[in-house]
Amino acid sequence: MRHLAYVGMLAFCVVGTLPLELVLRLGVYRRVRRLALTIAPVLAVFVAWDLYAIASDHWQFDPAQTLGVVLPGGLPLDELAFFVVVPIAAVLTLEAVRAVRGWSIGDEPS
């Protein structure tokens, strides 16, 4: 069961923020291009950082706490998923606060 620890945390992030999309009808998942443009820089920077740290032997991942699927460069699939799931949860949270509080940042449709 320990090998599901990382995925369990990611599932918690998804389950915890998905109701924001459904209840508040935020439309975050409908705006695929916008979401991808938000996630892409985070994904690129942190995957590069992880790959560098792994190659430099600065850190490693405990195979007993991951699914065991390792991508080229030694990056666990769980870690890659982290860099997608957590930014989506952050965007959903931000959009929920904006919707509830009525905040605008100037990118709303006319």
PDB file of N, CA and C in Angstrom:
ATOM      1  N   MET A   1       0.826  -1.202   0.000  1.00  0.00           N
ATOM      2  CA  MET A   1       0.000   0.000   0.000  1.00  0.00           C
ATOM      3  C   MET A   1       0.865   1.259   0.000  1.00  0.00           C
ATOM      4  N   ARG A   2       2.065   1.151   0.528  1.00  0.00           N
ATOM      5  CA  ARG A   2       2.948   2.308   0.633  1.00  0.00           C
ATOM      6  C   ARG A   2       3.300   2.885  -0.747  1.00  0.00           C
ATOM      7  N   HIS A   3       3.326   2.022  -1.767  1.00  0.00           N
ATOM      8  CA  HIS A   3       3.660   2.485  -3.112  1.00  0.00           C
ATOM      9  C   HIS A   3       2.592   3.409  -3.701  1.00  0.00           C
ATOM     10  N   LEU A   4       1.461   3.497  -3.048  1.00  0.00           N
ATOM     11  CA  LEU A   4       0.392   4.383  -3.519  1.00  0.00           C
ATOM     12  C   LEU A   4       0.380   5.722  -2.779  1.00  0.00           C
ATOM     13  N   ALA A   5       1.374   5.976  -1.934  1.00  0.00           N
ATOM     14  CA  ALA A   5       1.396   7.202  -1.123  1.00  0.00           C
ATOM     15  C   ALA A   5       1.388   8.462  -1.991  1.00  0.00           C
ATOM     16  N   TYR A   6       2.258   8.505  -2.972  1.00  0.00           N
ATOM     17  CA  TYR A   6       2.374   9.694  -3.822  1.00  0.00           C
ATOM     18  C   TYR A   6       1.097   9.880  -4.637  1.00  0.00           C
ATOM     19  N   VAL A   7       0.641   8.808  -5.244  1.00  0.00           N
ATOM     20  CA  VAL A   7      -0.582   8.880  -6.055  1.00  0.00           C
ATOM     21  C   VAL A   7      -1.787   9.220  -5.186  1.00  0.00           C
ATOM     22  N   GLY A   8      -1.791   8.725  -3.960  1.00  0.00           N
ATOM     23  CA  GLY A   8      -2.879   9.059  -3.041  1.00  0.00           C
ATOM     24  C   GLY A   8      -2.939  10.547  -2.753  1.00  0.00           C
ATOM     25  N   MET A   9      -1.782  11.150  -2.570  1.00  0.00           N
ATOM     26  CA  MET A   9      -1.734  12.599  -2.316  1.00  0.00           C
ATOM     27  C   MET A   9      -2.237  13.359  -3.548  1.00  0.00           C
ATOM     28  N   LEU A  10      -1.847  12.900  -4.729  1.00  0.00           N
ATOM     29  CA  LEU A  10      -2.315  13.556  -5.958  1.00  0.00           C
ATOM     30  C   LEU A  10      -3.827  13.395  -6.120  1.00  0.00           C
ATOM     31  N   ALA A  11      -4.319  12.205  -5.811  1.00  0.00           N
ATOM     32  CA  ALA A  11      -5.769  11.968  -5.888  1.00  0.00           C
ATOM     33  C   ALA A  11      -6.511  12.880  -4.914  1.00  0.00           C
ATOM     34  N   PHE A  12      -5.949  13.074  -3.736  1.00  0.00           N
ATOM     35  CA  PHE A  12      -6.550  13.974  -2.752  1.00  0.00           C
ATOM     36  C   PHE A  12      -6.645  15.391  -3.322  1.00  0.00           C
ATOM     37  N   CYS A  13      -5.595  15.837  -4.011  1.00  0.00           N
ATOM     38  CA  CYS A  13      -5.606  17.178  -4.620  1.00  0.00           C
ATOM     39  C   CYS A  13      -6.703  17.290  -5.672  1.00  0.00           C
ATOM     40  N   VAL A  14      -6.845  16.263  -6.489  1.00  0.00           N
ATOM     41  CA  VAL A  14      -7.869  16.278  -7.549  1.00  0.00           C
ATOM     42  C   VAL A  14      -9.264  16.220  -6.927  1.00  0.00           C
ATOM     43  N   VAL A  15      -9.472  15.288  -6.015  1.00  0.00           N
ATOM     44  CA  VAL A  15     -10.792  15.119  -5.386  1.00  0.00           C
ATOM     45  C   VAL A  15     -11.164  16.357  -4.572  1.00  0.00           C
ATOM     46  N   GLY A  16     -10.174  16.977  -3.971  1.00  0.00           N
ATOM     47  CA  GLY A  16     -10.440  18.156  -3.150  1.00  0.00           C
ATOM     48  C   GLY A  16     -10.791  19.404  -3.939  1.00  0.00           C
ATOM     49  N   THR A  17     -10.303  19.488  -5.173  1.00  0.00           N
ATOM     50  CA  THR A  17     -10.567  20.694  -5.966  1.00  0.00           C
ATOM     51  C   THR A  17     -11.584  20.481  -7.089  1.00  0.00           C
ATOM     52  N   LEU A  18     -11.855  19.248  -7.470  1.00  0.00           N
ATOM     53  CA  LEU A  18     -12.827  18.992  -8.540  1.00  0.00           C
ATOM     54  C   LEU A  18     -14.208  19.568  -8.235  1.00  0.00           C
ATOM     55  N   PRO A  19     -14.694  19.491  -6.999  1.00  0.00           N
ATOM     56  CA  PRO A  19     -15.996  20.104  -6.715  1.00  0.00           C
ATOM     57  C   PRO A  19     -16.036  21.601  -7.014  1.00  0.00           C
ATOM     58  N   LEU A  20     -14.905  22.273  -6.927  1.00  0.00           N
ATOM     59  CA  LEU A  20     -14.877  23.696  -7.263  1.00  0.00           C
ATOM     60  C   LEU A  20     -15.281  23.901  -8.717  1.00  0.00           C
ATOM     61  N   GLU A  21     -14.780  23.042  -9.587  1.00  0.00           N
ATOM     62  CA  GLU A  21     -15.113  23.122 -11.012  1.00  0.00           C
ATOM     63  C   GLU A  21     -16.591  22.820 -11.230  1.00  0.00           C
ATOM     64  N   LEU A  22     -17.077  21.809 -10.558  1.00  0.00           N
ATOM     65  CA  LEU A  22     -18.452  21.357 -10.791  1.00  0.00           C
ATOM     66  C   LEU A  22     -19.489  22.275 -10.145  1.00  0.00           C
ATOM     67  N   VAL A  23     -19.286  22.635  -8.909  1.00  0.00           N
ATOM     68  CA  VAL A  23     -20.275  23.430  -8.170  1.00  0.00           C
ATOM     69  C   VAL A  23     -20.292  24.878  -8.652  1.00  0.00           C
ATOM     70  N   LEU A  24     -19.110  25.456  -8.814  1.00  0.00           N
ATOM     71  CA  LEU A  24     -19.037  26.862  -9.209  1.00  0.00           C
ATOM     72  C   LEU A  24     -19.023  27.069 -10.725  1.00  0.00           C
ATOM     73  N   ARG A  25     -18.975  25.977 -11.465  1.00  0.00           N
ATOM     74  CA  ARG A  25     -18.953  26.029 -12.945  1.00  0.00           C
ATOM     75  C   ARG A  25     -17.890  27.004 -13.448  1.00  0.00           C
ATOM     76  N   LEU A  26     -16.663  26.749 -13.022  1.00  0.00           N
ATOM     77  CA  LEU A  26     -15.559  27.654 -13.334  1.00  0.00           C
ATOM     78  C   LEU A  26     -15.111  27.586 -14.785  1.00  0.00           C
ATOM     79  N   GLY A  27     -15.235  26.437 -15.404  1.00  0.00           N
ATOM     80  CA  GLY A  27     -14.817  26.303 -16.800  1.00  0.00           C
ATOM     81  C   GLY A  27     -13.316  26.173 -16.990  1.00  0.00           C
ATOM     82  N   VAL A  28     -12.602  25.839 -15.934  1.00  0.00           N
ATOM     83  CA  VAL A  28     -11.142  25.703 -16.044  1.00  0.00           C
ATOM     84  C   VAL A  28     -10.790  24.577 -17.002  1.00  0.00           C
ATOM     85  N   TYR A  29     -11.450  23.441 -16.884  1.00  0.00           N
ATOM     86  CA  TYR A  29     -11.149  22.301 -17.748  1.00  0.00           C
ATOM     87  C   TYR A  29     -11.636  22.507 -19.186  1.00  0.00           C
ATOM     88  N   ARG A  30     -12.596  23.380 -19.384  1.00  0.00           N
ATOM     89  CA  ARG A  30     -13.076  23.674 -20.747  1.00  0.00           C
ATOM     90  C   ARG A  30     -12.096  24.536 -21.514  1.00  0.00           C
ATOM     91  N   ARG A  31     -11.316  25.333 -20.813  1.00  0.00           N
ATOM     92  CA  ARG A  31     -10.335  26.208 -21.459  1.00  0.00           C
ATOM     93  C   ARG A  31      -8.986  25.496 -21.504  1.00  0.00           C
ATOM     94  N   VAL A  32      -8.934  24.463 -22.338  1.00  0.00           N
ATOM     95  CA  VAL A  32      -7.776  23.578 -22.411  1.00  0.00           C
ATOM     96  C   VAL A  32      -6.513  24.334 -22.809  1.00  0.00           C
ATOM     97  N   ARG A  33      -6.610  25.183 -23.792  1.00  0.00           N
ATOM     98  CA  ARG A  33      -5.421  25.923 -24.245  1.00  0.00           C
ATOM     99  C   ARG A  33      -4.865  26.810 -23.135  1.00  0.00           C
ATOM    100  N   ARG A  34      -5.744  27.502 -22.467  1.00  0.00           N
ATOM    101  CA  ARG A  34      -5.327  28.392 -21.382  1.00  0.00           C
ATOM    102  C   ARG A  34      -4.694  27.598 -20.237  1.00  0.00           C
ATOM    103  N   LEU A  35      -5.305  26.485 -19.894  1.00  0.00           N
ATOM    104  CA  LEU A  35      -4.768  25.641 -18.835  1.00  0.00           C
ATOM    105  C   LEU A  35      -3.407  25.067 -19.228  1.00  0.00           C
ATOM    106  N   ALA A  36      -3.291  24.631 -20.474  1.00  0.00           N
ATOM    107  CA  ALA A  36      -2.003  24.092 -20.950  1.00  0.00           C
ATOM    108  C   ALA A  36      -0.919  25.169 -20.938  1.00  0.00           C
ATOM    109  N   LEU A  37      -1.267  26.391 -21.324  1.00  0.00           N
ATOM    110  CA  LEU A  37      -0.284  27.481 -21.297  1.00  0.00           C
ATOM    111  C   LEU A  37       0.116  27.846 -19.865  1.00  0.00           C
ATOM    112  N   THR A  38      -0.753  27.581 -18.929  1.00  0.00           N
ATOM    113  CA  THR A  38      -0.447  27.826 -17.521  1.00  0.00           C
ATOM    114  C   THR A  38       0.476  26.742 -16.968  1.00  0.00           C
ATOM    115  N   ILE A  39       0.200  25.510 -17.332  1.00  0.00           N
ATOM    116  CA  ILE A  39       0.950  24.378 -16.789  1.00  0.00           C
ATOM    117  C   ILE A  39       2.305  24.190 -17.469  1.00  0.00           C
ATOM    118  N   ALA A  40       2.394  24.472 -18.758  1.00  0.00           N
ATOM    119  CA  ALA A  40       3.613  24.186 -19.529  1.00  0.00           C
ATOM    120  C   ALA A  40       4.888  24.769 -18.925  1.00  0.00           C
ATOM    121  N   PRO A  41       4.919  26.046 -18.542  1.00  0.00           N
ATOM    122  CA  PRO A  41       6.164  26.567 -17.967  1.00  0.00           C
ATOM    123  C   PRO A  41       6.538  25.892 -16.644  1.00  0.00           C
ATOM    124  N   VAL A  42       5.547  25.625 -15.820  1.00  0.00           N
ATOM    125  CA  VAL A  42       5.796  24.950 -14.541  1.00  0.00           C
ATOM    126  C   VAL A  42       6.367  23.563 -14.807  1.00  0.00           C
ATOM    127  N   LEU A  43       5.734  22.856 -15.706  1.00  0.00           N
ATOM    128  CA  LEU A  43       6.173  21.507 -16.059  1.00  0.00           C
ATOM    129  C   LEU A  43       7.598  21.520 -16.590  1.00  0.00           C
ATOM    130  N   ALA A  44       7.884  22.413 -17.511  1.00  0.00           N
ATOM    131  CA  ALA A  44       9.215  22.472 -18.115  1.00  0.00           C
ATOM    132  C   ALA A  44      10.306  22.784 -17.086  1.00  0.00           C
ATOM    133  N   VAL A  45      10.079  23.801 -16.289  1.00  0.00           N
ATOM    134  CA  VAL A  45      11.099  24.218 -15.313  1.00  0.00           C
ATOM    135  C   VAL A  45      11.335  23.147 -14.262  1.00  0.00           C
ATOM    136  N   PHE A  46      10.270  22.627 -13.679  1.00  0.00           N
ATOM    137  CA  PHE A  46      10.452  21.690 -12.577  1.00  0.00           C
ATOM    138  C   PHE A  46      10.875  20.297 -13.021  1.00  0.00           C
ATOM    139  N   VAL A  47      10.466  19.868 -14.209  1.00  0.00           N
ATOM    140  CA  VAL A  47      10.971  18.594 -14.727  1.00  0.00           C
ATOM    141  C   VAL A  47      12.467  18.726 -15.007  1.00  0.00           C
ATOM    142  N   ALA A  48      12.870  19.835 -15.611  1.00  0.00           N
ATOM    143  CA  ALA A  48      14.299  20.055 -15.858  1.00  0.00           C
ATOM    144  C   ALA A  48      15.076  20.080 -14.542  1.00  0.00           C
ATOM    145  N   TRP A  49      14.531  20.752 -13.558  1.00  0.00           N
ATOM    146  CA  TRP A  49      15.163  20.837 -12.244  1.00  0.00           C
ATOM    147  C   TRP A  49      15.304  19.443 -11.615  1.00  0.00           C
ATOM    148  N   ASP A  50      14.222  18.669 -11.652  1.00  0.00           N
ATOM    149  CA  ASP A  50      14.269  17.314 -11.109  1.00  0.00           C
ATOM    150  C   ASP A  50      15.287  16.450 -11.843  1.00  0.00           C
ATOM    151  N   LEU A  51      15.267  16.510 -13.164  1.00  0.00           N
ATOM    152  CA  LEU A  51      16.206  15.697 -13.946  1.00  0.00           C
ATOM    153  C   LEU A  51      17.651  16.072 -13.626  1.00  0.00           C
ATOM    154  N   TYR A  52      17.906  17.357 -13.475  1.00  0.00           N
ATOM    155  CA  TYR A  52      19.252  17.805 -13.112  1.00  0.00           C
ATOM    156  C   TYR A  52      19.634  17.285 -11.724  1.00  0.00           C
ATOM    157  N   ALA A  53      18.738  17.407 -10.778  1.00  0.00           N
ATOM    158  CA  ALA A  53      19.009  16.964  -9.406  1.00  0.00           C
ATOM    159  C   ALA A  53      19.219  15.455  -9.339  1.00  0.00           C
ATOM    160  N   ILE A  54      18.444  14.715 -10.109  1.00  0.00           N
ATOM    161  CA  ILE A  54      18.602  13.261 -10.142  1.00  0.00           C
ATOM    162  C   ILE A  54      19.945  12.903 -10.767  1.00  0.00           C
ATOM    163  N   ALA A  55      20.261  13.537 -11.902  1.00  0.00           N
ATOM    164  CA  ALA A  55      21.529  13.254 -12.595  1.00  0.00           C
ATOM    165  C   ALA A  55      22.734  13.643 -11.741  1.00  0.00           C
ATOM    166  N   SER A  56      22.594  14.686 -10.947  1.00  0.00           N
ATOM    167  CA  SER A  56      23.679  15.151 -10.072  1.00  0.00           C
ATOM    168  C   SER A  56      23.728  14.383  -8.765  1.00  0.00           C
ATOM    169  N   ASP A  57      22.801  13.453  -8.599  1.00  0.00           N
ATOM    170  CA  ASP A  57      22.703  12.658  -7.379  1.00  0.00           C
ATOM    171  C   ASP A  57      22.415  13.520  -6.153  1.00  0.00           C
ATOM    172  N   HIS A  58      21.683  14.617  -6.374  1.00  0.00           N
ATOM    173  CA  HIS A  58      21.287  15.488  -5.259  1.00  0.00           C
ATOM    174  C   HIS A  58      20.091  14.918  -4.524  1.00  0.00           C
ATOM    175  N   TRP A  59      19.209  14.241  -5.266  1.00  0.00           N
ATOM    176  CA  TRP A  59      18.099  13.569  -4.607  1.00  0.00           C
ATOM    177  C   TRP A  59      17.619  12.419  -5.455  1.00  0.00           C
ATOM    178  N   GLN A  60      16.820  11.617  -4.797  1.00  0.00           N
ATOM    179  CA  GLN A  60      16.245  10.447  -5.464  1.00  0.00           C
ATOM    180  C   GLN A  60      14.846  10.217  -4.916  1.00  0.00           C
ATOM    181  N   PHE A  61      14.145   9.329  -5.552  1.00  0.00           N
ATOM    182  CA  PHE A  61      12.778   9.015  -5.138  1.00  0.00           C
ATOM    183  C   PHE A  61      12.744   7.592  -4.607  1.00  0.00           C
ATOM    184  N   ASP A  62      12.020   7.408  -3.529  1.00  0.00           N
ATOM    185  CA  ASP A  62      11.908   6.098  -2.912  1.00  0.00           C
ATOM    186  C   ASP A  62      10.960   5.239  -3.742  1.00  0.00           C
ATOM    187  N   PRO A  63      11.482   4.204  -4.401  1.00  0.00           N
ATOM    188  CA  PRO A  63      10.613   3.358  -5.228  1.00  0.00           C
ATOM    189  C   PRO A  63       9.498   2.678  -4.433  1.00  0.00           C
ATOM    190  N   ALA A  64       9.688   2.546  -3.131  1.00  0.00           N
ATOM    191  CA  ALA A  64       8.651   1.922  -2.305  1.00  0.00           C
ATOM    192  C   ALA A  64       7.441   2.832  -2.133  1.00  0.00           C
ATOM    193  N   GLN A  65       7.581   4.127  -2.443  1.00  0.00           N
ATOM    194  CA  GLN A  65       6.478   5.067  -2.258  1.00  0.00           C
ATOM    195  C   GLN A  65       5.944   5.621  -3.573  1.00  0.00           C
ATOM    196  N   THR A  66       6.415   5.082  -4.673  1.00  0.00           N
ATOM    197  CA  THR A  66       5.918   5.491  -5.988  1.00  0.00           C
ATOM    198  C   THR A  66       5.385   4.267  -6.720  1.00  0.00           C
ATOM    199  N   LEU A  67       4.767   4.493  -7.854  1.00  0.00           N
ATOM    200  CA  LEU A  67       4.189   3.389  -8.620  1.00  0.00           C
ATOM    201  C   LEU A  67       5.237   2.470  -9.228  1.00  0.00           C
ATOM    202  N   GLY A  68       6.457   2.976  -9.353  1.00  0.00           N
ATOM    203  CA  GLY A  68       7.518   2.166  -9.935  1.00  0.00           C
ATOM    204  C   GLY A  68       7.720   2.402 -11.421  1.00  0.00           C
ATOM    205  N   VAL A  69       6.911   3.260 -12.020  1.00  0.00           N
ATOM    206  CA  VAL A  69       7.086   3.608 -13.432  1.00  0.00           C
ATOM    207  C   VAL A  69       8.067   4.774 -13.483  1.00  0.00           C
ATOM    208  N   VAL A  70       9.228   4.526 -14.070  1.00  0.00           N
ATOM    209  CA  VAL A  70      10.274   5.540 -14.105  1.00  0.00           C
ATOM    210  C   VAL A  70      10.518   5.946 -15.558  1.00  0.00           C
ATOM    211  N   LEU A  71      10.447   7.239 -15.805  1.00  0.00           N
ATOM    212  CA  LEU A  71      10.650   7.793 -17.142  1.00  0.00           C
ATOM    213  C   LEU A  71      12.143   7.956 -17.402  1.00  0.00           C
ATOM    214  N   PRO A  72      12.516   8.184 -18.651  1.00  0.00           N
ATOM    215  CA  PRO A  72      13.936   8.407 -18.945  1.00  0.00           C
ATOM    216  C   PRO A  72      14.500   9.529 -18.075  1.00  0.00           C
ATOM    217  N   GLY A  73      15.706   9.325 -17.594  1.00  0.00           N
ATOM    218  CA  GLY A  73      16.334  10.294 -16.711  1.00  0.00           C
ATOM    219  C   GLY A  73      16.103   9.994 -15.248  1.00  0.00           C
ATOM    220  N   GLY A  74      15.298   8.961 -14.964  1.00  0.00           N
ATOM    221  CA  GLY A  74      15.047   8.560 -13.586  1.00  0.00           C
ATOM    222  C   GLY A  74      13.874   9.239 -12.912  1.00  0.00           C
ATOM    223  N   LEU A  75      13.077   9.982 -13.667  1.00  0.00           N
ATOM    224  CA  LEU A  75      11.931  10.697 -13.100  1.00  0.00           C
ATOM    225  C   LEU A  75      10.731   9.753 -12.973  1.00  0.00           C
ATOM    226  N   PRO A  76      10.212   9.576 -11.766  1.00  0.00           N
ATOM    227  CA  PRO A  76       9.016   8.736 -11.612  1.00  0.00           C
ATOM    228  C   PRO A  76       7.795   9.395 -12.264  1.00  0.00           C
ATOM    229  N   LEU A  77       6.942   8.576 -12.801  1.00  0.00           N
ATOM    230  CA  LEU A  77       5.703   9.073 -13.413  1.00  0.00           C
ATOM    231  C   LEU A  77       4.890   9.868 -12.396  1.00  0.00           C
ATOM    232  N   ASP A  78       4.923   9.446 -11.148  1.00  0.00           N
ATOM    233  CA  ASP A  78       4.199  10.143 -10.083  1.00  0.00           C
ATOM    234  C   ASP A  78       4.662  11.601  -9.971  1.00  0.00           C
ATOM    235  N   GLU A  79       5.959  11.815 -10.090  1.00  0.00           N
ATOM    236  CA  GLU A  79       6.512  13.166  -9.965  1.00  0.00           C
ATOM    237  C   GLU A  79       6.072  14.034 -11.146  1.00  0.00           C
ATOM    238  N   LEU A  80       6.053  13.459 -12.336  1.00  0.00           N
ATOM    239  CA  LEU A  80       5.561  14.190 -13.505  1.00  0.00           C
ATOM    240  C   LEU A  80       4.098  14.568 -13.310  1.00  0.00           C
ATOM    241  N   ALA A  81       3.317  13.631 -12.804  1.00  0.00           N
ATOM    242  CA  ALA A  81       1.898  13.909 -12.540  1.00  0.00           C
ATOM    243  C   ALA A  81       1.742  15.027 -11.513  1.00  0.00           C
ATOM    244  N   PHE A  82       2.644  15.081 -10.537  1.00  0.00           N
ATOM    245  CA  PHE A  82       2.610  16.134  -9.531  1.00  0.00           C
ATOM    246  C   PHE A  82       2.669  17.512 -10.181  1.00  0.00           C
ATOM    247  N   PHE A  83       3.524  17.654 -11.191  1.00  0.00           N
ATOM    248  CA  PHE A  83       3.704  18.949 -11.855  1.00  0.00           C
ATOM    249  C   PHE A  83       2.538  19.311 -12.771  1.00  0.00           C
ATOM    250  N   VAL A  84       1.599  18.409 -12.939  1.00  0.00           N
ATOM    251  CA  VAL A  84       0.368  18.706 -13.672  1.00  0.00           C
ATOM    252  C   VAL A  84      -0.783  18.918 -12.679  1.00  0.00           C
ATOM    253  N   VAL A  85      -0.911  18.015 -11.731  1.00  0.00           N
ATOM    254  CA  VAL A  85      -2.041  18.030 -10.787  1.00  0.00           C
ATOM    255  C   VAL A  85      -2.013  19.257  -9.874  1.00  0.00           C
ATOM    256  N   VAL A  86      -0.869  19.559  -9.295  1.00  0.00           N
ATOM    257  CA  VAL A  86      -0.801  20.655  -8.331  1.00  0.00           C
ATOM    258  C   VAL A  86      -1.074  22.019  -8.983  1.00  0.00           C
ATOM    259  N   PRO A  87      -0.505  22.313 -10.157  1.00  0.00           N
ATOM    260  CA  PRO A  87      -0.885  23.584 -10.790  1.00  0.00           C
ATOM    261  C   PRO A  87      -2.373  23.656 -11.154  1.00  0.00           C
ATOM    262  N   ILE A  88      -2.955  22.548 -11.582  1.00  0.00           N
ATOM    263  CA  ILE A  88      -4.395  22.553 -11.876  1.00  0.00           C
ATOM    264  C   ILE A  88      -5.185  22.841 -10.598  1.00  0.00           C
ATOM    265  N   ALA A  89      -4.795  22.222  -9.500  1.00  0.00           N
ATOM    266  CA  ALA A  89      -5.471  22.484  -8.217  1.00  0.00           C
ATOM    267  C   ALA A  89      -5.323  23.948  -7.824  1.00  0.00           C
ATOM    268  N   ALA A  90      -4.153  24.511  -8.068  1.00  0.00           N
ATOM    269  CA  ALA A  90      -3.937  25.925  -7.741  1.00  0.00           C
ATOM    270  C   ALA A  90      -4.800  26.837  -8.604  1.00  0.00           C
ATOM    271  N   VAL A  91      -4.883  26.530  -9.893  1.00  0.00           N
ATOM    272  CA  VAL A  91      -5.708  27.336 -10.797  1.00  0.00           C
ATOM    273  C   VAL A  91      -7.181  27.226 -10.403  1.00  0.00           C
ATOM    274  N   LEU A  92      -7.635  26.016 -10.112  1.00  0.00           N
ATOM    275  CA  LEU A  92      -9.027  25.839  -9.677  1.00  0.00           C
ATOM    276  C   LEU A  92      -9.316  26.630  -8.404  1.00  0.00           C
ATOM    277  N   THR A  93      -8.383  26.596  -7.474  1.00  0.00           N
ATOM    278  CA  THR A  93      -8.568  27.334  -6.223  1.00  0.00           C
ATOM    279  C   THR A  93      -8.623  28.836  -6.477  1.00  0.00           C
ATOM    280  N   LEU A  94      -7.700  29.328  -7.284  1.00  0.00           N
ATOM    281  CA  LEU A  94      -7.695  30.754  -7.622  1.00  0.00           C
ATOM    282  C   LEU A  94      -8.992  31.156  -8.314  1.00  0.00           C
ATOM    283  N   GLU A  95      -9.413  30.378  -9.285  1.00  0.00           N
ATOM    284  CA  GLU A  95     -10.638  30.703 -10.017  1.00  0.00           C
ATOM    285  C   GLU A  95     -11.861  30.627  -9.104  1.00  0.00           C
ATOM    286  N   ALA A  96     -11.871  29.709  -8.148  1.00  0.00           N
ATOM    287  CA  ALA A  96     -12.987  29.623  -7.196  1.00  0.00           C
ATOM    288  C   ALA A  96     -13.040  30.867  -6.315  1.00  0.00           C
ATOM    289  N   VAL A  97     -11.888  31.301  -5.840  1.00  0.00           N
ATOM    290  CA  VAL A  97     -11.846  32.515  -5.016  1.00  0.00           C
ATOM    291  C   VAL A  97     -12.297  33.710  -5.847  1.00  0.00           C
ATOM    292  N   ARG A  98     -11.824  33.789  -7.068  1.00  0.00           N
ATOM    293  CA  ARG A  98     -12.244  34.891  -7.946  1.00  0.00           C
ATOM    294  C   ARG A  98     -13.751  34.883  -8.145  1.00  0.00           C
ATOM    295  N   ALA A  99     -14.324  33.704  -8.354  1.00  0.00           N
ATOM    296  CA  ALA A  99     -15.761  33.600  -8.607  1.00  0.00           C
ATOM    297  C   ALA A  99     -16.568  33.991  -7.366  1.00  0.00           C
ATOM    298  N   VAL A 100     -16.159  33.513  -6.222  1.00  0.00           N
ATOM    299  CA  VAL A 100     -16.901  33.774  -4.986  1.00  0.00           C
ATOM    300  C   VAL A 100     -16.743  35.223  -4.546  1.00  0.00           C
ATOM    301  N   ARG A 101     -15.534  35.753  -4.661  1.00  0.00           N
ATOM    302  CA  ARG A 101     -15.258  37.118  -4.201  1.00  0.00           C
ATOM    303  C   ARG A 101     -15.557  38.181  -5.251  1.00  0.00           C
ATOM    304  N   GLY A 102     -15.759  37.765  -6.500  1.00  0.00           N
ATOM    305  CA  GLY A 102     -16.025  38.724  -7.553  1.00  0.00           C
ATOM    306  C   GLY A 102     -14.784  39.467  -8.025  1.00  0.00           C
ATOM    307  N   TRP A 103     -13.620  38.878  -7.806  1.00  0.00           N
ATOM    308  CA  TRP A 103     -12.365  39.513  -8.231  1.00  0.00           C
ATOM    309  C   TRP A 103     -12.208  39.413  -9.736  1.00  0.00           C
ATOM    310  N   SER A 104     -11.708  40.457 -10.324  1.00  0.00           N
ATOM    311  CA  SER A 104     -11.379  40.392 -11.751  1.00  0.00           C
ATOM    312  C   SER A 104      -9.898  40.733 -11.908  1.00  0.00           C
ATOM    313  N   ILE A 105      -9.307  40.157 -12.947  1.00  0.00           N
ATOM    314  CA  ILE A 105      -7.902  40.451 -13.216  1.00  0.00           C
ATOM    315  C   ILE A 105      -7.702  40.952 -14.645  1.00  0.00           C
ATOM    316  N   GLY A 106      -8.809  41.252 -15.287  1.00  0.00           N
ATOM    317  CA  GLY A 106      -8.723  41.862 -16.613  1.00  0.00           C
ATOM    318  C   GLY A 106      -8.715  40.886 -17.772  1.00  0.00           C
ATOM    319  N   ASP A 107      -8.879  39.596 -17.519  1.00  0.00           N
ATOM    320  CA  ASP A 107      -8.879  38.649 -18.622  1.00  0.00           C
ATOM    321  C   ASP A 107     -10.255  38.016 -18.853  1.00  0.00           C
ATOM    322  N   GLU A 108     -11.256  38.604 -18.243  1.00  0.00           N
ATOM    323  CA  GLU A 108     -12.604  38.064 -18.387  1.00  0.00           C
ATOM    324  C   GLU A 108     -13.153  38.371 -19.770  1.00  0.00           C
ATOM    325  N   PRO A 109     -13.989  37.465 -20.299  1.00  0.00           N
ATOM    326  CA  PRO A 109     -14.620  37.742 -21.604  1.00  0.00           C
ATOM    327  C   PRO A 109     -15.530  38.954 -21.530  1.00  0.00           C
ATOM    328  N   SER A 110     -15.588  39.668 -22.586  1.00  0.00           N
ATOM    329  CA  SER A 110     -16.439  40.880 -22.637  1.00  0.00           C
ATOM    330  C   SER A 110     -17.910  40.535 -22.698  1.00  0.00           C
TER     331      SER A 110
END
